[in-house]
Amino acid sequence: MTHTPTLPPDDRGMWRRLVSRSHPDAGGDHELFIWTVATRVAVCSDLRTEITRVERWAPSTQGTGERVPFDEDASLEVLTDRAVAMAEAVAEPYGYLLRQVADCEPAEDGPLRDQQRCGASFKSLAAIGHGVGMTKAECVQWHRIAEAIPLSQRHAGHILSRLKRRAA
């Protein structure tokens, strides 16, 4: 009899904390960060099918369900560096999408500044997923990656504009 472990909701927050604390900008080590993200993907990938089945395409692990949980005082530069570093540790197309934010510069004022102070909307993340042909299960994983960083709405808009330019 094989027992398939499931992650209680609290464990998802623990993974997020572990990934964020191992990041070099938080005093961690680059290799440790890459290993931590890869380990999380390996451990949680077996659970992805079960989580998807249980949640029935519920995008958010926490929060209101409209946006990635986000600290409005987070530094766009730090989160951008975190996304680019995570791109090395995740499968495609996630790595490709995360590399698109490498040139996302902070805005001093206006709507772009407001976008960098809130989490990416799950609607924007779904549009990104649709733009690269993700399945529902892949979109759920994309949402999890966006939450782990966390991606801002500014990042999501930047990725969408890069995808649109590439399609044109």
C-alpha atoms as a PDB file:
ATOM      1  CA  MET A   1       0.000   0.000   0.000  1.00  0.00           C
ATOM      2  CA  THR A   2       1.517   3.290  -1.130  1.00  0.00           C
ATOM      3  CA  HIS A   3       0.775   6.435   0.831  1.00  0.00           C
ATOM      4  CA  THR A   4       0.783   9.674  -1.144  1.00  0.00           C
ATOM      5  CA  PRO A   5       1.527  12.606   1.155  1.00  0.00           C
ATOM      6  CA  THR A   6      -0.451  15.781   0.776  1.00  0.00           C
ATOM      7  CA  LEU A   7       0.623  19.231   1.821  1.00  0.00           C
ATOM      8  CA  PRO A   8      -1.542  20.907   4.424  1.00  0.00           C
ATOM      9  CA  PRO A   9      -2.150  24.584   3.572  1.00  0.00           C
ATOM     10  CA  ASP A  10       0.392  25.661   6.239  1.00  0.00           C
ATOM     11  CA  ASP A  11       3.174  23.716   4.468  1.00  0.00           C
ATOM     12  CA  ARG A  12       2.768  25.833   1.332  1.00  0.00           C
ATOM     13  CA  GLY A  13       3.573  28.908   3.394  1.00  0.00           C
ATOM     14  CA  MET A  14       6.574  27.082   4.845  1.00  0.00           C
ATOM     15  CA  TRP A  15       7.890  26.386   1.333  1.00  0.00           C
ATOM     16  CA  ARG A  16       7.409  30.045   0.430  1.00  0.00           C
ATOM     17  CA  ARG A  17       9.321  31.103   3.551  1.00  0.00           C
ATOM     18  CA  LEU A  18      12.127  28.605   2.881  1.00  0.00           C
ATOM     19  CA  VAL A  19      12.523  29.769  -0.734  1.00  0.00           C
ATOM     20  CA  SER A  20      12.499  33.450   0.222  1.00  0.00           C
ATOM     21  CA  ARG A  21      15.018  32.974   3.068  1.00  0.00           C
ATOM     22  CA  SER A  22      17.442  31.007   0.910  1.00  0.00           C
ATOM     23  CA  HIS A  23      17.491  33.793  -1.710  1.00  0.00           C
ATOM     24  CA  PRO A  24      20.832  35.678  -1.867  1.00  0.00           C
ATOM     25  CA  ASP A  25      19.103  39.043  -1.355  1.00  0.00           C
ATOM     26  CA  ALA A  26      17.757  37.759   1.961  1.00  0.00           C
ATOM     27  CA  GLY A  27      21.205  36.642   3.120  1.00  0.00           C
ATOM     28  CA  GLY A  28      21.030  33.184   1.564  1.00  0.00           C
ATOM     29  CA  ASP A  29      23.288  31.514  -0.947  1.00  0.00           C
ATOM     30  CA  HIS A  30      22.659  31.387  -4.727  1.00  0.00           C
ATOM     31  CA  GLU A  31      23.307  27.634  -4.992  1.00  0.00           C
ATOM     32  CA  LEU A  32      21.158  26.970  -1.922  1.00  0.00           C
ATOM     33  CA  PHE A  33      18.324  29.013  -3.447  1.00  0.00           C
ATOM     34  CA  ILE A  34      18.491  27.070  -6.734  1.00  0.00           C
ATOM     35  CA  TRP A  35      18.586  23.772  -4.830  1.00  0.00           C
ATOM     36  CA  THR A  36      15.653  24.813  -2.623  1.00  0.00           C
ATOM     37  CA  VAL A  37      13.475  25.747  -5.601  1.00  0.00           C
ATOM     38  CA  ALA A  38      14.410  22.545  -7.449  1.00  0.00           C
ATOM     39  CA  THR A  39      13.653  20.485  -4.341  1.00  0.00           C
ATOM     40  CA  ARG A  40      10.288  22.180  -3.914  1.00  0.00           C
ATOM     41  CA  VAL A  41       9.405  21.446  -7.546  1.00  0.00           C
ATOM     42  CA  ALA A  42      10.529  17.811  -7.192  1.00  0.00           C
ATOM     43  CA  VAL A  43       8.683  17.226  -3.916  1.00  0.00           C
ATOM     44  CA  CYS A  44       5.513  19.041  -4.919  1.00  0.00           C
ATOM     45  CA  SER A  45       5.334  17.804  -8.527  1.00  0.00           C
ATOM     46  CA  ASP A  46       3.967  14.433  -7.391  1.00  0.00           C
ATOM     47  CA  LEU A  47       1.249  16.299  -5.537  1.00  0.00           C
ATOM     48  CA  ARG A  48       0.333  18.627  -8.419  1.00  0.00           C
ATOM     49  CA  THR A  49      -2.259  16.275  -9.908  1.00  0.00           C
ATOM     50  CA  GLU A  50      -3.878  15.675  -6.536  1.00  0.00           C
ATOM     51  CA  ILE A  51      -3.828  19.370  -5.613  1.00  0.00           C
ATOM     52  CA  THR A  52      -5.392  20.284  -8.964  1.00  0.00           C
ATOM     53  CA  ARG A  53      -8.088  17.651  -8.491  1.00  0.00           C
ATOM     54  CA  VAL A  54      -8.896  18.865  -4.975  1.00  0.00           C
ATOM     55  CA  GLU A  55      -8.816  22.577  -5.714  1.00  0.00           C
ATOM     56  CA  ARG A  56     -10.695  22.379  -9.027  1.00  0.00           C
ATOM     57  CA  TRP A  57      -8.685  25.153 -10.633  1.00  0.00           C
ATOM     58  CA  ALA A  58      -8.603  27.431  -7.600  1.00  0.00           C
ATOM     59  CA  PRO A  59      -5.758  29.761  -8.508  1.00  0.00           C
ATOM     60  CA  SER A  60      -4.652  31.056  -5.122  1.00  0.00           C
ATOM     61  CA  THR A  61      -3.206  29.076  -2.252  1.00  0.00           C
ATOM     62  CA  GLN A  62      -3.900  31.985   0.076  1.00  0.00           C
ATOM     63  CA  GLY A  63      -5.376  35.462  -0.082  1.00  0.00           C
ATOM     64  CA  THR A  64      -8.444  36.792  -1.791  1.00  0.00           C
ATOM     65  CA  GLY A  65      -8.190  34.729  -4.954  1.00  0.00           C
ATOM     66  CA  GLU A  66      -7.847  37.764  -7.222  1.00  0.00           C
ATOM     67  CA  ARG A  67      -4.136  38.503  -6.857  1.00  0.00           C
ATOM     68  CA  VAL A  68      -0.881  36.948  -5.772  1.00  0.00           C
ATOM     69  CA  PRO A  69      -0.383  37.707  -2.043  1.00  0.00           C
ATOM     70  CA  PHE A  70       2.046  40.625  -2.007  1.00  0.00           C
ATOM     71  CA  ASP A  71       3.843  43.060   0.293  1.00  0.00           C
ATOM     72  CA  GLU A  72       3.408  46.521  -1.241  1.00  0.00           C
ATOM     73  CA  ASP A  73       6.765  47.603   0.183  1.00  0.00           C
ATOM     74  CA  ALA A  74       8.638  44.823  -1.641  1.00  0.00           C
ATOM     75  CA  SER A  75      11.462  45.972  -3.883  1.00  0.00           C
ATOM     76  CA  LEU A  76      10.791  45.434  -7.600  1.00  0.00           C
ATOM     77  CA  GLU A  77      14.528  44.944  -8.192  1.00  0.00           C
ATOM     78  CA  VAL A  78      14.765  42.208  -5.526  1.00  0.00           C
ATOM     79  CA  LEU A  79      11.682  40.414  -6.853  1.00  0.00           C
ATOM     80  CA  THR A  80      12.958  40.719 -10.432  1.00  0.00           C
ATOM     81  CA  ASP A  81      16.307  39.193  -9.398  1.00  0.00           C
ATOM     82  CA  ARG A  82      14.433  36.429  -7.555  1.00  0.00           C
ATOM     83  CA  ALA A  83      12.323  35.662 -10.645  1.00  0.00           C
ATOM     84  CA  VAL A  84      15.373  35.526 -12.916  1.00  0.00           C
ATOM     85  CA  ALA A  85      17.235  33.288 -10.428  1.00  0.00           C
ATOM     86  CA  MET A  86      14.216  30.986 -10.159  1.00  0.00           C
ATOM     87  CA  ALA A  87      14.104  30.744 -13.981  1.00  0.00           C
ATOM     88  CA  GLU A  88      17.213  28.554 -13.800  1.00  0.00           C
ATOM     89  CA  ALA A  89      15.525  26.066 -11.483  1.00  0.00           C
ATOM     90  CA  VAL A  90      12.087  25.606 -13.031  1.00  0.00           C
ATOM     91  CA  ALA A  91      10.954  23.744 -16.137  1.00  0.00           C
ATOM     92  CA  GLU A  92       9.927  25.370 -19.372  1.00  0.00           C
ATOM     93  CA  PRO A  93       7.831  27.335 -20.226  1.00  0.00           C
ATOM     94  CA  TYR A  94       8.057  28.786 -16.690  1.00  0.00           C
ATOM     95  CA  GLY A  95      11.769  29.562 -16.975  1.00  0.00           C
ATOM     96  CA  TYR A  96      11.224  31.316 -20.295  1.00  0.00           C
ATOM     97  CA  LEU A  97       8.461  33.457 -18.805  1.00  0.00           C
ATOM     98  CA  LEU A  98      10.481  34.383 -15.729  1.00  0.00           C
ATOM     99  CA  ARG A  99      13.473  35.405 -17.869  1.00  0.00           C
ATOM    100  CA  GLN A 100      11.214  37.956 -19.599  1.00  0.00           C
ATOM    101  CA  VAL A 101      11.268  40.185 -16.508  1.00  0.00           C
ATOM    102  CA  ALA A 102      15.071  40.583 -16.530  1.00  0.00           C
ATOM    103  CA  ASP A 103      14.781  44.086 -18.028  1.00  0.00           C
ATOM    104  CA  CYS A 104      11.732  45.192 -16.013  1.00  0.00           C
ATOM    105  CA  GLU A 105      12.766  48.537 -14.542  1.00  0.00           C
ATOM    106  CA  PRO A 106      11.093  50.200 -11.550  1.00  0.00           C
ATOM    107  CA  ALA A 107       8.820  53.167 -12.238  1.00  0.00           C
ATOM    108  CA  GLU A 108       9.075  56.311 -10.143  1.00  0.00           C
ATOM    109  CA  ASP A 109       5.410  57.335 -10.439  1.00  0.00           C
ATOM    110  CA  GLY A 110       2.149  56.806 -12.300  1.00  0.00           C
ATOM    111  CA  PRO A 111       0.243  53.611 -13.033  1.00  0.00           C
ATOM    112  CA  LEU A 112       3.385  51.508 -13.498  1.00  0.00           C
ATOM    113  CA  ARG A 113       4.511  52.386  -9.958  1.00  0.00           C
ATOM    114  CA  ASP A 114       1.090  51.371  -8.666  1.00  0.00           C
ATOM    115  CA  GLN A 115       1.397  48.050 -10.542  1.00  0.00           C
ATOM    116  CA  GLN A 116       4.738  47.264  -8.935  1.00  0.00           C
ATOM    117  CA  ARG A 117       3.161  47.674  -5.491  1.00  0.00           C
ATOM    118  CA  CYS A 118       0.514  44.959  -5.875  1.00  0.00           C
ATOM    119  CA  GLY A 119       0.534  41.274  -6.687  1.00  0.00           C
ATOM    120  CA  ALA A 120      -0.095  40.000 -10.188  1.00  0.00           C
ATOM    121  CA  SER A 121      -3.750  39.320 -10.880  1.00  0.00           C
ATOM    122  CA  PHE A 122      -4.627  35.714 -11.564  1.00  0.00           C
ATOM    123  CA  LYS A 123      -6.398  36.989 -14.683  1.00  0.00           C
ATOM    124  CA  SER A 124      -3.078  38.378 -15.980  1.00  0.00           C
ATOM    125  CA  LEU A 125      -1.278  35.165 -15.082  1.00  0.00           C
ATOM    126  CA  ALA A 126      -3.956  33.173 -16.925  1.00  0.00           C
ATOM    127  CA  ALA A 127      -3.520  35.422 -19.980  1.00  0.00           C
ATOM    128  CA  ILE A 128       0.224  34.741 -19.883  1.00  0.00           C
ATOM    129  CA  GLY A 129      -0.427  31.009 -19.613  1.00  0.00           C
ATOM    130  CA  HIS A 130      -2.864  31.142 -22.508  1.00  0.00           C
ATOM    131  CA  GLY A 131      -0.318  33.122 -24.538  1.00  0.00           C
ATOM    132  CA  VAL A 132       2.188  30.272 -24.349  1.00  0.00           C
ATOM    133  CA  GLY A 133      -0.392  27.465 -24.649  1.00  0.00           C
ATOM    134  CA  MET A 134      -0.396  26.136 -21.078  1.00  0.00           C
ATOM    135  CA  THR A 135      -2.834  23.473 -19.960  1.00  0.00           C
ATOM    136  CA  LYS A 136      -4.935  24.060 -16.834  1.00  0.00           C
ATOM    137  CA  ALA A 137      -2.518  22.002 -14.739  1.00  0.00           C
ATOM    138  CA  GLU A 138       0.425  24.018 -16.070  1.00  0.00           C
ATOM    139  CA  CYS A 139      -1.428  27.260 -15.278  1.00  0.00           C
ATOM    140  CA  VAL A 140      -1.939  26.115 -11.691  1.00  0.00           C
ATOM    141  CA  GLN A 141       1.811  25.484 -11.428  1.00  0.00           C
ATOM    142  CA  TRP A 142       2.472  28.901 -13.033  1.00  0.00           C
ATOM    143  CA  HIS A 143       0.294  30.507 -10.345  1.00  0.00           C
ATOM    144  CA  ARG A 144       2.248  28.683  -7.633  1.00  0.00           C
ATOM    145  CA  ILE A 145       5.544  29.936  -9.076  1.00  0.00           C
ATOM    146  CA  ALA A 146       4.188  33.499  -9.274  1.00  0.00           C
ATOM    147  CA  GLU A 147       3.125  33.253  -5.616  1.00  0.00           C
ATOM    148  CA  ALA A 148       6.504  31.879  -4.517  1.00  0.00           C
ATOM    149  CA  ILE A 149       8.415  34.866  -5.927  1.00  0.00           C
ATOM    150  CA  PRO A 150       5.906  36.847  -5.645  1.00  0.00           C
ATOM    151  CA  LEU A 151       5.356  38.468  -9.045  1.00  0.00           C
ATOM    152  CA  SER A 152       3.926  41.979  -9.124  1.00  0.00           C
ATOM    153  CA  GLN A 153       1.313  43.215 -11.574  1.00  0.00           C
ATOM    154  CA  ARG A 154       4.157  45.223 -13.147  1.00  0.00           C
ATOM    155  CA  HIS A 155       6.007  41.953 -13.840  1.00  0.00           C
ATOM    156  CA  ALA A 156       2.882  40.336 -15.296  1.00  0.00           C
ATOM    157  CA  GLY A 157       2.243  43.334 -17.557  1.00  0.00           C
ATOM    158  CA  HIS A 158       5.879  43.291 -18.676  1.00  0.00           C
ATOM    159  CA  ILE A 159       5.683  39.587 -19.567  1.00  0.00           C
ATOM    160  CA  LEU A 160       2.404  40.116 -21.450  1.00  0.00           C
ATOM    161  CA  SER A 161       3.830  43.010 -23.463  1.00  0.00           C
ATOM    162  CA  ARG A 162       6.914  40.940 -24.369  1.00  0.00           C
ATOM    163  CA  LEU A 163       4.689  38.058 -25.494  1.00  0.00           C
ATOM    164  CA  LYS A 164       2.530  40.405 -27.593  1.00  0.00           C
ATOM    165  CA  ARG A 165       5.601  41.966 -29.241  1.00  0.00           C
ATOM    166  CA  ARG A 166       6.967  38.523 -30.033  1.00  0.00           C
ATOM    167  CA  ALA A 167       3.633  37.453 -31.588  1.00  0.00           C
ATOM    168  CA  ALA A 168       3.463  40.563 -33.798  1.00  0.00           C
END
